[in-house]
């Protein structure tokens, strides 16, 4: 009898040292709750082989266990299946945040053995994306004081909405939701509309991120190639744009016609003749370099993302290096802030600007993790500390954004330059021959080249998997999808290389669903069904939905 009440899905012979996808580790000894072990064959995705299938016996046993589980409440363990009826470990699958299932060796459950510190930094690393490059520009658009306040408020608001996502499964009664992801919760409350709308907004966030990556990769590749060419051919070029002099030169590429006091424009001095104009013709930031990146199209056709997932740590290295770069530049440049309201000048730093919604759009994406937070927290060893660990992760992300944003804004040399010169990618305010910026671009370029195929894989799995029931229906389908995505990236890099605009549009769009609307609606519906919804709770969450809608509309009015 004692053996009959043991947990349902403790794997046989699981190796606790096995490492799953994205370095998530699972400990069979920590498994305490029964989990379904079978999904329909069309939804199964193996990292190394997408032709895996579940046997008929496993499928039948799964249906039987699901039937028994509905005869009693989840807390009643009287009908828990004994170990001897479970399938072999190779037939146990784990749901992914894509609505499909991954087969992971040595794992049978969503619970894992990641410590709190690992979970915290996994969330931090996942959230710290390209948005960090636009935070100083966002502060400029909102005003210095308003920008800092918005960073704090948006961090707290998105944290609360993320908390509501984490708790959404537990508010569904009489159903085992332990393997569910947030799209499954949306489907439960809103039917097929919730499923397909969550898919749509998830694709918006993924494709938006891919477009931003393509524009940034074009930028980084252009500046890296320019630096290497100048160094190899002995070319000494000072960018023909306004800027400061000295070893820590800061430039204003957005205003090439501005005359800056004390600024000198140097001529090209080359040891190899007149090849530089030809190089500039072949190495154009918006016309040719985005086309050269098309070679990445070859990387998008891989069936498995496992190779690129191994470079996940590059994101952490890049962010740490950016923090070091910002610290060094701020120490060398000093602070330049002019708050004197009695004497307005072009160097005056406003406390508030009407363009502040541009920052809220950027921050919606900067704090966005709501579509995969359940998966990340599933693998936390101590599930009771999920809320605490999530809060600490958000705190660290907010501190990182404030640190980078405030230091770059405050250290920007004004005078002689105006704060309006701060670019949407703050690395563009440093010339191509700046060594520290060159290294930052190298780190970020290599990171994005490895992450871009992962984003393409996730978008392809979600779209083709739902439309065709197969994530790799044929090479032709995959090629058409990849060419379409790459074509959008090339077009945006050519005609709209505005990463701040792309970030805020995609952030406000996907954030409307996953951050503001769905978590609030699901919470209100669940409380209403239990007759526990108060007027105060309804007003607060309706206000959150209103803020999300207003945030999206405002992006098109700025």
Protein backbone atom coordinates (compact mmCIF):
# COMPACT_ATOMS: atom_id res chain seq x y z
CA UNK A 1 0.00 0.00 0.00
CA UNK A 2 2.85 2.38 0.74
CA UNK A 3 4.24 1.87 -2.75
CA UNK A 4 0.83 2.51 -4.31
CA UNK A 5 0.69 6.07 -3.05
CA UNK A 6 4.12 7.11 -4.30
CA UNK A 7 4.30 9.93 -6.87
CA UNK A 8 2.99 8.97 -10.27
CA UNK A 9 5.84 9.92 -12.56
CA UNK A 10 9.12 9.21 -10.77
CA UNK A 11 11.37 8.12 -13.65
CA UNK A 12 13.27 4.87 -13.63
CA UNK A 13 17.03 5.28 -13.71
CA UNK A 14 16.96 9.08 -14.12
CA UNK A 15 20.38 10.67 -13.95
CA UNK A 16 20.33 13.71 -11.74
CA UNK A 17 23.33 15.08 -13.62
CA UNK A 18 21.46 15.21 -16.92
CA UNK A 19 21.12 18.73 -18.26
CA UNK A 20 18.07 19.64 -20.27
CA UNK A 21 17.35 22.32 -22.80
CA UNK A 22 18.72 25.78 -21.98
CA UNK A 23 20.74 24.30 -19.08
CA UNK A 24 17.60 23.59 -17.03
CA UNK A 25 18.29 20.70 -14.68
CA UNK A 26 15.74 18.32 -13.22
CA UNK A 27 16.03 16.23 -10.10
CA UNK A 28 13.86 13.07 -10.04
CA UNK A 29 14.03 13.01 -6.24
CA UNK A 30 12.14 16.30 -6.05
CA UNK A 31 9.08 15.07 -7.92
CA UNK A 32 6.06 15.12 -5.66
CA UNK A 33 3.03 15.38 -7.88
CA UNK A 34 1.61 13.28 -10.67
CA UNK A 35 1.88 14.64 -14.20
CA UNK A 36 0.43 13.54 -17.55
CA UNK A 37 3.15 11.79 -19.53
CA UNK A 38 1.53 11.74 -22.96
CA UNK A 39 0.74 14.33 -25.61
CA UNK A 40 -0.68 13.86 -29.07
CA UNK A 41 1.98 12.80 -31.61
CA UNK A 42 1.47 15.89 -33.78
CA UNK A 43 2.48 18.12 -30.90
CA UNK A 44 5.73 16.37 -29.99
CA UNK A 45 8.98 18.11 -30.73
CA UNK A 46 12.27 16.44 -29.88
CA UNK A 47 15.35 18.59 -29.82
CA UNK A 48 17.27 16.12 -31.96
CA UNK A 49 14.53 14.31 -33.84
CA UNK A 50 10.98 15.50 -34.44
CA UNK A 51 9.77 12.07 -35.60
CA UNK A 52 9.40 10.63 -32.09
CA UNK A 53 6.05 8.98 -31.33
CA UNK A 54 4.36 7.61 -28.24
CA UNK A 55 3.24 3.99 -28.23
CA UNK A 56 -0.44 3.04 -28.21
CA UNK A 57 0.01 1.47 -24.79
CA UNK A 58 1.30 4.72 -23.33
CA UNK A 59 -1.52 6.65 -24.96
CA UNK A 60 -4.13 4.28 -23.56
CA UNK A 61 -2.61 4.38 -20.08
CA UNK A 62 -2.57 8.17 -20.21
CA UNK A 63 -6.29 8.31 -21.01
CA UNK A 64 -7.02 5.85 -18.20
CA UNK A 65 -5.08 7.87 -15.64
CA UNK A 66 -6.77 11.10 -16.77
CA UNK A 67 -10.14 9.38 -16.36
CA UNK A 68 -9.32 8.22 -12.85
CA UNK A 69 -7.96 11.63 -11.87
CA UNK A 70 -11.37 13.18 -12.54
CA UNK A 71 -13.23 10.77 -10.27
CA UNK A 72 -11.83 12.43 -7.15
CA UNK A 73 -10.45 15.82 -6.15
CA UNK A 74 -6.76 16.50 -6.86
CA UNK A 75 -5.96 16.25 -3.14
CA UNK A 76 -7.34 12.71 -2.90
CA UNK A 77 -4.51 10.29 -3.68
CA UNK A 78 -6.61 7.16 -3.44
CA UNK A 79 -6.63 6.63 -7.21
CA UNK A 80 -2.99 7.52 -7.91
CA UNK A 81 -1.54 4.93 -10.28
CA UNK A 82 1.26 2.73 -8.90
CA UNK A 83 4.75 2.84 -10.37
CA UNK A 84 4.54 -0.46 -12.23
CA UNK A 85 1.95 0.88 -14.69
CA UNK A 86 4.05 3.84 -15.78
CA UNK A 87 5.75 3.92 -19.19
CA UNK A 88 9.48 3.70 -19.67
CA UNK A 89 11.46 6.94 -19.17
CA UNK A 90 11.98 7.35 -22.92
CA UNK A 91 8.23 7.86 -23.34
CA UNK A 92 7.90 10.70 -20.85
CA UNK A 93 7.58 14.21 -22.26
CA UNK A 94 7.57 17.71 -20.81
CA UNK A 95 5.52 20.61 -22.07
CA UNK A 96 7.37 23.63 -23.43
CA UNK A 97 6.20 27.26 -23.47
CA UNK A 98 5.35 26.78 -27.13
CA UNK A 99 2.31 24.64 -26.50
CA UNK A 100 4.25 21.59 -27.73
CA UNK A 101 6.26 19.02 -25.83
CA UNK A 102 9.97 18.44 -25.59
CA UNK A 103 11.55 15.14 -24.71
CA UNK A 104 14.22 15.69 -22.07
CA UNK A 105 16.39 12.86 -20.80
CA UNK A 106 16.38 12.24 -17.08
CA UNK A 107 13.27 14.32 -16.54
CA UNK A 108 9.68 13.50 -15.99
CA UNK A 109 8.25 16.58 -14.42
CA UNK A 110 8.21 20.32 -14.55
CA UNK A 111 9.73 20.61 -11.10
CA UNK A 112 13.49 20.75 -11.12
CA UNK A 113 16.48 21.32 -8.92
CA UNK A 114 17.48 24.84 -9.91
CA UNK A 115 18.33 26.84 -6.82
CA UNK A 116 16.78 30.23 -6.18
CA UNK A 117 19.92 32.05 -7.28
CA UNK A 118 19.97 30.15 -10.59
CA UNK A 119 16.26 30.86 -11.14
CA UNK A 120 16.70 34.56 -10.39
CA UNK A 121 19.54 35.00 -12.86
CA UNK A 122 17.78 32.90 -15.50
CA UNK A 123 14.87 35.37 -15.36
CA UNK A 124 17.29 38.32 -15.31
CA UNK A 125 19.19 36.96 -18.32
CA UNK A 126 15.96 36.28 -20.22
CA UNK A 127 14.60 39.80 -19.70
CA UNK A 128 17.85 41.64 -20.41
CA UNK A 129 17.61 42.04 -24.17
CA UNK A 130 18.13 44.72 -26.78
CA UNK A 131 15.83 47.11 -24.91
CA UNK A 132 18.71 48.08 -22.64
CA UNK A 133 20.31 49.93 -25.56
CA UNK A 134 17.26 52.21 -25.86
CA UNK A 135 16.73 53.03 -22.16
CA UNK A 136 18.85 56.25 -22.22
CA UNK A 137 16.95 57.45 -25.30
CA UNK A 138 13.65 56.64 -23.56
CA UNK A 139 14.67 58.69 -20.52
CA UNK A 140 15.50 61.59 -22.84
CA UNK A 141 12.06 61.32 -24.47
CA UNK A 142 10.23 61.25 -21.14
CA UNK A 143 12.33 63.76 -19.23
CA UNK A 144 14.95 62.91 -16.62
CA UNK A 145 12.81 62.72 -13.48
CA UNK A 146 9.75 61.38 -15.30
CA UNK A 147 11.88 58.71 -16.92
CA UNK A 148 13.19 57.41 -13.60
CA UNK A 149 9.68 57.41 -12.09
CA UNK A 150 8.30 55.53 -15.10
CA UNK A 151 11.06 52.94 -14.84
CA UNK A 152 10.04 52.26 -11.23
CA UNK A 153 6.28 52.28 -11.88
CA UNK A 154 6.44 50.12 -15.02
CA UNK A 155 8.68 47.66 -13.21
CA UNK A 156 6.18 47.32 -10.35
CA UNK A 157 3.16 47.13 -12.67
CA UNK A 158 4.66 44.47 -14.95
CA UNK A 159 5.82 42.53 -11.88
CA UNK A 160 2.27 42.49 -10.50
CA UNK A 161 0.86 41.35 -13.85
CA UNK A 162 3.57 38.67 -14.03
CA UNK A 163 2.56 37.55 -10.53
CA UNK A 164 -1.02 37.22 -11.76
CA UNK A 165 0.24 35.02 -14.63
CA UNK A 166 2.11 32.77 -12.21
CA UNK A 167 -0.97 32.39 -9.99
CA UNK A 168 -3.43 31.94 -12.87
CA UNK A 169 -3.15 28.13 -12.99
CA UNK A 170 -3.85 27.72 -9.29
CA UNK A 171 -7.19 29.54 -9.63
CA UNK A 172 -8.62 26.84 -11.92
CA UNK A 173 -10.51 24.32 -9.74
CA UNK A 174 -10.76 20.53 -10.10
CA UNK A 175 -8.26 20.30 -12.96
CA UNK A 176 -4.61 19.30 -12.85
CA UNK A 177 -2.94 22.35 -14.41
CA UNK A 178 0.60 21.46 -13.39
CA UNK A 179 1.74 21.00 -17.00
CA UNK A 180 -0.12 24.03 -18.35
CA UNK A 181 1.44 27.13 -19.78
CA UNK A 182 -0.21 30.54 -19.91
CA UNK A 183 -1.69 29.98 -23.43
CA UNK A 184 -3.42 26.90 -21.99
CA UNK A 185 -4.93 29.08 -19.26
CA UNK A 186 -6.07 31.57 -21.91
CA UNK A 187 -7.68 28.73 -23.85
CA UNK A 188 -9.49 27.52 -20.72
CA UNK A 189 -11.06 30.93 -20.09
CA UNK A 190 -11.51 32.26 -23.63
CA UNK A 191 -11.70 29.13 -25.79
CA UNK A 192 -10.11 29.01 -29.22
CA UNK A 193 -10.04 32.82 -29.32
CA UNK A 194 -7.72 32.85 -26.32
CA UNK A 195 -5.51 30.20 -27.88
CA UNK A 196 -5.16 31.88 -31.28
CA UNK A 197 -4.94 35.42 -29.96
CA UNK A 198 -2.18 34.42 -27.55
CA UNK A 199 -0.42 32.77 -30.50
CA UNK A 200 -0.80 35.96 -32.55
CA UNK A 201 0.62 38.27 -29.88
CA UNK A 202 3.40 35.80 -29.13
CA UNK A 203 4.35 35.87 -32.82
CA UNK A 204 4.26 39.68 -32.74
CA UNK A 205 6.80 39.71 -29.91
CA UNK A 206 9.04 37.12 -31.60
CA UNK A 207 8.98 38.66 -35.08
CA UNK A 208 9.36 42.13 -33.59
CA UNK A 209 12.44 40.92 -31.73
CA UNK A 210 13.79 39.38 -34.94
CA UNK A 211 13.36 42.67 -36.81
CA UNK A 212 15.13 44.58 -34.02
CA UNK A 213 17.92 42.02 -34.07
CA UNK A 214 18.31 42.37 -37.85
CA UNK A 215 18.56 46.16 -37.65
CA UNK A 216 21.05 45.95 -34.78
CA UNK A 217 23.10 43.22 -36.46
CA UNK A 218 23.33 45.42 -39.57
CA UNK A 219 24.45 48.30 -37.37
CA UNK A 220 27.04 46.27 -35.46
CA UNK A 221 28.36 44.52 -38.57
CA UNK A 222 28.71 47.85 -40.39
CA UNK A 223 30.66 49.52 -37.57
CA UNK A 224 32.78 46.41 -36.96
CA UNK A 225 33.70 46.14 -40.64
CA UNK A 226 34.45 49.85 -40.80
CA UNK A 227 36.76 49.61 -37.78
CA UNK A 228 38.63 46.61 -39.21
CA UNK A 229 39.01 48.20 -42.65
CA UNK A 230 40.35 51.44 -41.20
CA UNK A 231 42.78 49.59 -38.95
CA UNK A 232 44.10 47.25 -41.67
CA UNK A 233 44.49 49.98 -44.31
CA UNK A 234 45.84 52.65 -42.01
CA UNK A 235 42.84 54.91 -42.50
CA UNK A 236 42.35 57.64 -39.90
CA UNK A 237 38.78 58.91 -40.06
CA UNK A 238 36.96 61.11 -37.62
CA UNK A 239 33.22 60.84 -38.24
CA UNK A 240 32.03 63.87 -40.18
CA UNK A 241 29.36 64.65 -37.59
CA UNK A 242 29.25 66.96 -34.56
CA UNK A 243 31.10 65.60 -31.59
CA UNK A 244 33.51 66.24 -28.77
CA UNK A 245 37.28 66.03 -29.00
CA UNK A 246 39.60 63.92 -26.91
CA UNK A 247 40.17 60.24 -26.31
CA UNK A 248 36.56 59.66 -25.18
CA UNK A 249 34.87 61.19 -28.18
CA UNK A 250 31.06 61.36 -28.20
CA UNK A 251 29.25 62.12 -31.45
CA UNK A 252 25.81 63.31 -32.54
CA UNK A 253 25.10 61.29 -35.73
CA UNK A 254 21.49 62.49 -35.89
CA UNK A 255 22.44 66.11 -36.54
CA UNK A 256 25.29 66.32 -39.05
CA UNK A 257 24.52 69.97 -39.80
CA UNK A 258 25.02 71.25 -36.27
CA UNK A 259 28.06 73.39 -35.52
CA UNK A 260 29.58 72.43 -32.19
CA UNK A 261 31.94 74.88 -30.45
CA UNK A 262 35.47 73.54 -30.34
CA UNK A 263 34.66 70.63 -32.65
CA UNK A 264 37.11 69.86 -35.41
CA UNK A 265 36.32 67.80 -38.49
CA UNK A 266 39.37 65.86 -39.61
CA UNK A 267 40.05 64.70 -43.12
CA UNK A 268 40.74 61.14 -44.21
CA UNK A 269 44.40 60.17 -44.09
CA UNK A 270 45.05 56.87 -45.81
CA UNK A 271 48.23 54.96 -46.45
CA UNK A 272 46.69 52.86 -49.24
CA UNK A 273 45.42 55.38 -51.75
CA UNK A 274 41.86 56.18 -52.69
CA UNK A 275 40.14 52.90 -51.96
CA UNK A 276 38.02 54.28 -49.14
CA UNK A 277 35.19 55.72 -51.32
CA UNK A 278 34.84 52.34 -53.04
CA UNK A 279 34.69 50.64 -49.65
CA UNK A 280 31.98 53.01 -48.49
CA UNK A 281 29.98 52.19 -51.60
CA UNK A 282 30.22 48.43 -50.99
CA UNK A 283 29.87 48.69 -47.21
CA UNK A 284 26.73 50.75 -46.77
CA UNK A 285 24.86 50.62 -43.47
CA UNK A 286 21.35 50.53 -44.92
CA UNK A 287 21.82 49.31 -48.51
CA UNK A 288 24.44 46.54 -48.64
CA UNK A 289 25.24 45.31 -45.12
CA UNK A 290 21.66 44.07 -44.42
CA UNK A 291 21.91 42.00 -47.61
CA UNK A 292 25.23 40.47 -46.53
CA UNK A 293 23.48 39.26 -43.39
CA UNK A 294 21.21 37.11 -45.55
CA UNK A 295 23.69 34.30 -45.07
CA UNK A 296 21.98 33.84 -41.69
CA UNK A 297 19.06 32.47 -43.71
CA UNK A 298 21.05 29.23 -43.95
CA UNK A 299 21.07 28.97 -40.14
CA UNK A 300 17.28 29.26 -39.93
CA UNK A 301 16.68 25.99 -41.76
CA UNK A 302 18.00 23.75 -38.98
CA UNK A 303 15.45 21.42 -37.43
CA UNK A 304 17.09 21.55 -34.02
CA UNK A 305 17.93 24.67 -31.98
CA UNK A 306 20.13 22.76 -29.52
CA UNK A 307 23.42 23.98 -31.01
CA UNK A 308 22.49 27.66 -30.73
CA UNK A 309 21.04 27.19 -27.24
CA UNK A 310 24.56 26.42 -26.02
CA UNK A 311 25.50 30.08 -26.52
CA UNK A 312 22.86 31.31 -24.08
CA UNK A 313 25.52 32.60 -21.67
CA UNK A 314 26.68 35.16 -24.26
CA UNK A 315 23.71 37.31 -23.27
CA UNK A 316 24.96 37.56 -19.70
CA UNK A 317 28.51 38.35 -20.83
CA UNK A 318 27.26 41.08 -23.17
CA UNK A 319 25.13 42.76 -20.50
CA UNK A 320 27.95 42.63 -17.93
CA UNK A 321 30.33 44.18 -20.45
CA UNK A 322 27.80 46.92 -21.27
CA UNK A 323 27.57 47.77 -17.56
CA UNK A 324 31.38 47.97 -17.40
CA UNK A 325 31.48 50.16 -20.53
CA UNK A 326 28.84 52.51 -19.12
CA UNK A 327 30.70 52.77 -15.80
CA UNK A 328 34.05 53.55 -17.45
CA UNK A 329 32.55 56.11 -19.86
CA UNK A 330 30.65 57.87 -17.06
CA UNK A 331 33.78 58.02 -14.89
CA UNK A 332 35.77 59.58 -17.73
CA UNK A 333 33.14 61.98 -19.05
CA UNK A 334 31.67 63.10 -15.72
CA UNK A 335 28.08 64.25 -15.19
CA UNK A 336 26.51 66.98 -17.33
CA UNK A 337 23.09 68.02 -16.02
CA UNK A 338 21.55 71.50 -16.27
CA UNK A 339 18.39 71.93 -14.17
CA UNK A 340 18.30 75.72 -13.86
CA UNK A 341 14.67 76.65 -14.66
CA UNK A 342 15.40 80.41 -14.55
CA UNK A 343 17.69 80.31 -17.58
CA UNK A 344 16.39 78.03 -20.32
CA UNK A 345 18.96 77.02 -22.91
CA UNK A 346 19.47 74.28 -25.48
CA UNK A 347 21.34 72.32 -22.81
CA UNK A 348 18.48 72.49 -20.31
CA UNK A 349 17.39 69.05 -19.03
CA UNK A 350 13.58 68.91 -18.78
CA UNK A 351 11.99 67.00 -15.92
CA UNK A 352 8.94 66.08 -18.00
CA UNK A 353 8.27 65.72 -21.73
CA UNK A 354 5.02 64.91 -23.52
CA UNK A 355 6.76 62.08 -25.41
CA UNK A 356 6.89 59.90 -22.27
CA UNK A 357 4.67 57.13 -23.81
CA UNK A 358 7.63 56.22 -26.01
CA UNK A 359 9.46 55.14 -22.87
CA UNK A 360 6.48 53.14 -21.57
CA UNK A 361 6.35 51.28 -24.89
CA UNK A 362 10.04 50.40 -24.63
CA UNK A 363 9.66 49.37 -20.97
CA UNK A 364 6.72 47.09 -21.74
CA UNK A 365 9.07 44.97 -23.83
CA UNK A 366 12.04 45.53 -21.50
CA UNK A 367 10.12 43.94 -18.58
CA UNK A 368 8.33 41.36 -20.74
CA UNK A 369 8.70 37.74 -19.65
CA UNK A 370 5.06 36.86 -19.10
CA UNK A 371 4.75 34.29 -21.89
CA UNK A 372 7.46 32.02 -20.46
CA UNK A 373 7.68 32.84 -16.75
CA UNK A 374 5.68 29.73 -15.77
CA UNK A 375 8.22 27.51 -17.51
CA UNK A 376 11.19 29.22 -15.85
CA UNK A 377 9.63 28.98 -12.39
CA UNK A 378 8.58 25.35 -12.84
CA UNK A 379 12.21 24.36 -12.48
CA UNK A 380 12.73 26.20 -9.21
CA UNK A 381 13.64 23.74 -6.49
CA UNK A 382 11.62 25.50 -3.82
CA UNK A 383 8.25 26.30 -5.41
CA UNK A 384 7.12 28.24 -2.33
CA UNK A 385 9.77 30.87 -3.10
CA UNK A 386 8.64 31.51 -6.68
CA UNK A 387 7.08 34.89 -5.91
CA UNK A 388 10.10 36.01 -3.88
CA UNK A 389 12.55 34.93 -6.60
CA UNK A 390 10.47 36.57 -9.32
CA UNK A 391 10.39 39.82 -7.34
CA UNK A 392 14.16 39.77 -6.78
CA UNK A 393 14.73 39.15 -10.50
CA UNK A 394 12.52 42.10 -11.43
CA UNK A 395 14.33 44.26 -8.89
CA UNK A 396 17.71 43.38 -10.42
CA UNK A 397 16.44 44.05 -13.93
CA UNK A 398 15.04 47.42 -12.87
CA UNK A 399 18.29 48.38 -11.13
CA UNK A 400 20.27 47.42 -14.26
CA UNK A 401 18.04 49.52 -16.51
CA UNK A 402 18.16 52.52 -14.16
CA UNK A 403 21.94 52.25 -13.77
CA UNK A 404 22.62 52.12 -17.52
CA UNK A 405 19.96 54.67 -18.46
CA UNK A 406 20.77 57.28 -15.83
CA UNK A 407 24.56 57.06 -16.23
CA UNK A 408 24.49 57.37 -20.03
CA UNK A 409 22.00 60.25 -19.87
CA UNK A 410 23.84 62.10 -17.10
CA UNK A 411 27.31 61.56 -18.57
CA UNK A 412 26.37 62.64 -22.08
CA UNK A 413 28.48 65.79 -22.62
CA UNK A 414 25.99 68.65 -22.69
CA UNK A 415 27.45 71.17 -23.40
CA UNK A 416 28.87 71.11 -26.01
CA UNK A 417 26.29 68.63 -27.34
CA UNK A 418 22.57 68.63 -26.62
CA UNK A 419 20.89 65.75 -24.78
CA UNK A 420 18.64 65.44 -27.84
CA UNK A 421 21.64 63.84 -29.56
CA UNK A 422 21.24 60.65 -27.50
CA UNK A 423 20.55 57.91 -30.05
CA UNK A 424 17.99 55.09 -29.85
CA UNK A 425 20.98 52.75 -29.65
CA UNK A 426 23.34 54.56 -27.30
CA UNK A 427 26.37 52.79 -28.82
CA UNK A 428 25.79 54.93 -31.92
CA UNK A 429 26.89 57.93 -29.85
CA UNK A 430 30.41 56.52 -29.81
CA UNK A 431 32.49 56.60 -33.02
CA UNK A 432 33.36 53.43 -34.88
CA UNK A 433 37.03 53.73 -33.86
CA UNK A 434 36.21 53.66 -30.12
CA UNK A 435 37.83 50.47 -28.79
CA UNK A 436 35.39 49.76 -25.95
CA UNK A 437 32.38 50.32 -28.20
CA UNK A 438 33.98 48.12 -30.87
CA UNK A 439 34.30 45.26 -28.36
CA UNK A 440 30.69 45.79 -27.21
CA UNK A 441 29.49 45.57 -30.82
CA UNK A 442 31.52 42.38 -31.35
CA UNK A 443 29.99 40.75 -28.24
CA UNK A 444 26.46 41.79 -29.18
CA UNK A 445 26.86 40.83 -32.84
CA UNK A 446 28.02 37.32 -32.00
CA UNK A 447 25.29 36.94 -29.40
CA UNK A 448 22.58 38.05 -31.83
CA UNK A 449 23.84 35.81 -34.64
CA UNK A 450 23.36 32.84 -32.30
CA UNK A 451 20.07 34.01 -30.76
CA UNK A 452 18.43 35.01 -34.06
CA UNK A 453 18.09 31.38 -35.28
CA UNK A 454 16.52 30.51 -31.91
CA UNK A 455 13.92 33.26 -32.33
CA UNK A 456 13.26 32.06 -35.87
CA UNK A 457 12.87 28.50 -34.63
CA UNK A 458 10.40 29.53 -31.93
CA UNK A 459 8.34 31.61 -34.37
CA UNK A 460 8.37 28.79 -36.92
CA UNK A 461 7.33 26.19 -34.35
CA UNK A 462 4.41 28.31 -33.17
CA UNK A 463 3.11 29.27 -36.61
CA UNK A 464 3.75 26.14 -38.69
CA UNK A 465 2.94 23.84 -35.78
CA UNK A 466 -0.52 25.36 -35.36
CA UNK A 467 -1.26 25.73 -39.08
CA UNK A 468 0.11 22.42 -40.40
CA UNK A 469 0.28 20.34 -37.21
CA UNK A 470 3.98 19.84 -37.89
CA UNK A 471 6.85 22.19 -37.06
CA UNK A 472 8.77 21.06 -40.15
CA UNK A 473 6.11 20.22 -42.76
CA UNK A 474 8.61 20.44 -45.63
CA UNK A 475 11.79 22.25 -46.57
CA UNK A 476 9.81 24.45 -48.97
CA UNK A 477 7.42 25.64 -46.24
CA UNK A 478 10.32 26.41 -43.92
CA UNK A 479 12.21 28.27 -46.67
CA UNK A 480 9.17 30.40 -47.51
CA UNK A 481 8.68 31.30 -43.85
CA UNK A 482 12.36 32.12 -43.32
CA UNK A 483 12.63 34.19 -46.51
CA UNK A 484 9.55 36.18 -45.47
CA UNK A 485 10.98 36.92 -42.02
CA UNK A 486 14.42 37.82 -43.38
CA UNK A 487 12.80 39.99 -46.07
CA UNK A 488 10.97 41.98 -43.39
CA UNK A 489 14.25 42.47 -41.53
CA UNK A 490 16.07 43.67 -44.66
CA UNK A 491 13.24 46.06 -45.54
CA UNK A 492 13.13 47.55 -42.04
CA UNK A 493 16.93 47.96 -41.95
CA UNK A 494 16.72 49.74 -45.32
CA UNK A 495 13.69 51.98 -44.84
CA UNK A 496 13.03 52.15 -41.08
CA UNK A 497 16.24 51.51 -39.07
CA UNK A 498 14.49 52.85 -35.98
CA UNK A 499 15.02 50.31 -33.21
CA UNK A 500 13.34 52.46 -30.58
CA UNK A 501 10.18 52.63 -32.68
CA UNK A 502 10.19 48.89 -33.44
CA UNK A 503 10.77 48.03 -29.77
CA UNK A 504 7.98 50.24 -28.47
CA UNK A 505 5.46 49.16 -31.13
CA UNK A 506 6.07 45.43 -30.63
CA UNK A 507 6.33 45.87 -26.86
CA UNK A 508 3.06 47.77 -26.58
CA UNK A 509 1.28 45.28 -28.90
CA UNK A 510 2.32 42.02 -27.25
CA UNK A 511 2.23 43.65 -23.82
CA UNK A 512 -1.41 44.60 -24.34
CA UNK A 513 -2.38 40.92 -24.34
CA UNK A 514 0.15 39.15 -22.13
CA UNK A 515 0.91 41.91 -19.62
CA UNK A 516 -2.25 43.97 -19.19
CA UNK A 517 -5.41 42.35 -20.59
CA UNK A 518 -5.26 38.57 -20.12
CA UNK A 519 -3.82 38.46 -16.56
CA UNK A 520 -6.34 41.04 -15.33
CA UNK A 521 -9.34 39.51 -17.11
CA UNK A 522 -8.48 35.99 -15.94
CA UNK A 523 -8.12 37.18 -12.35
CA UNK A 524 -11.46 39.02 -12.42
CA UNK A 525 -13.30 36.10 -14.07
CA UNK A 526 -11.95 33.58 -11.56
CA UNK A 527 -12.92 35.80 -8.61
CA UNK A 528 -16.36 36.44 -10.12
CA UNK A 529 -17.01 32.70 -10.45
CA UNK A 530 -16.19 32.31 -6.77
CA UNK A 531 -18.31 35.36 -5.82
CA UNK A 532 -15.20 37.07 -4.40
CA UNK A 533 -14.81 39.94 -6.87
CA UNK A 534 -15.03 43.33 -5.13
CA UNK A 535 -15.67 46.71 -6.68
CA UNK A 536 -12.18 47.87 -5.73
CA UNK A 537 -10.56 44.83 -7.35
CA UNK A 538 -12.63 45.28 -10.50
CA UNK A 539 -11.80 48.98 -10.77
CA UNK A 540 -8.06 48.40 -10.25
CA UNK A 541 -7.81 45.67 -12.89
CA UNK A 542 -10.00 47.53 -15.39
CA UNK A 543 -7.65 50.47 -14.91
CA UNK A 544 -4.69 48.19 -15.70
CA UNK A 545 -6.42 47.10 -18.93
CA UNK A 546 -7.09 50.73 -19.79
CA UNK A 547 -3.42 51.60 -19.27
CA UNK A 548 -2.42 48.81 -21.65
CA UNK A 549 -4.82 50.02 -24.35
CA UNK A 550 -3.72 53.64 -23.87
CA UNK A 551 -0.07 52.58 -24.04
CA UNK A 552 -0.63 50.95 -27.44
CA UNK A 553 -2.67 53.81 -28.89
CA UNK A 554 -0.15 56.41 -27.69
CA UNK A 555 2.65 54.78 -29.70
CA UNK A 556 0.90 55.77 -32.93
CA UNK A 557 0.37 59.36 -31.77
CA UNK A 558 4.00 60.15 -30.89
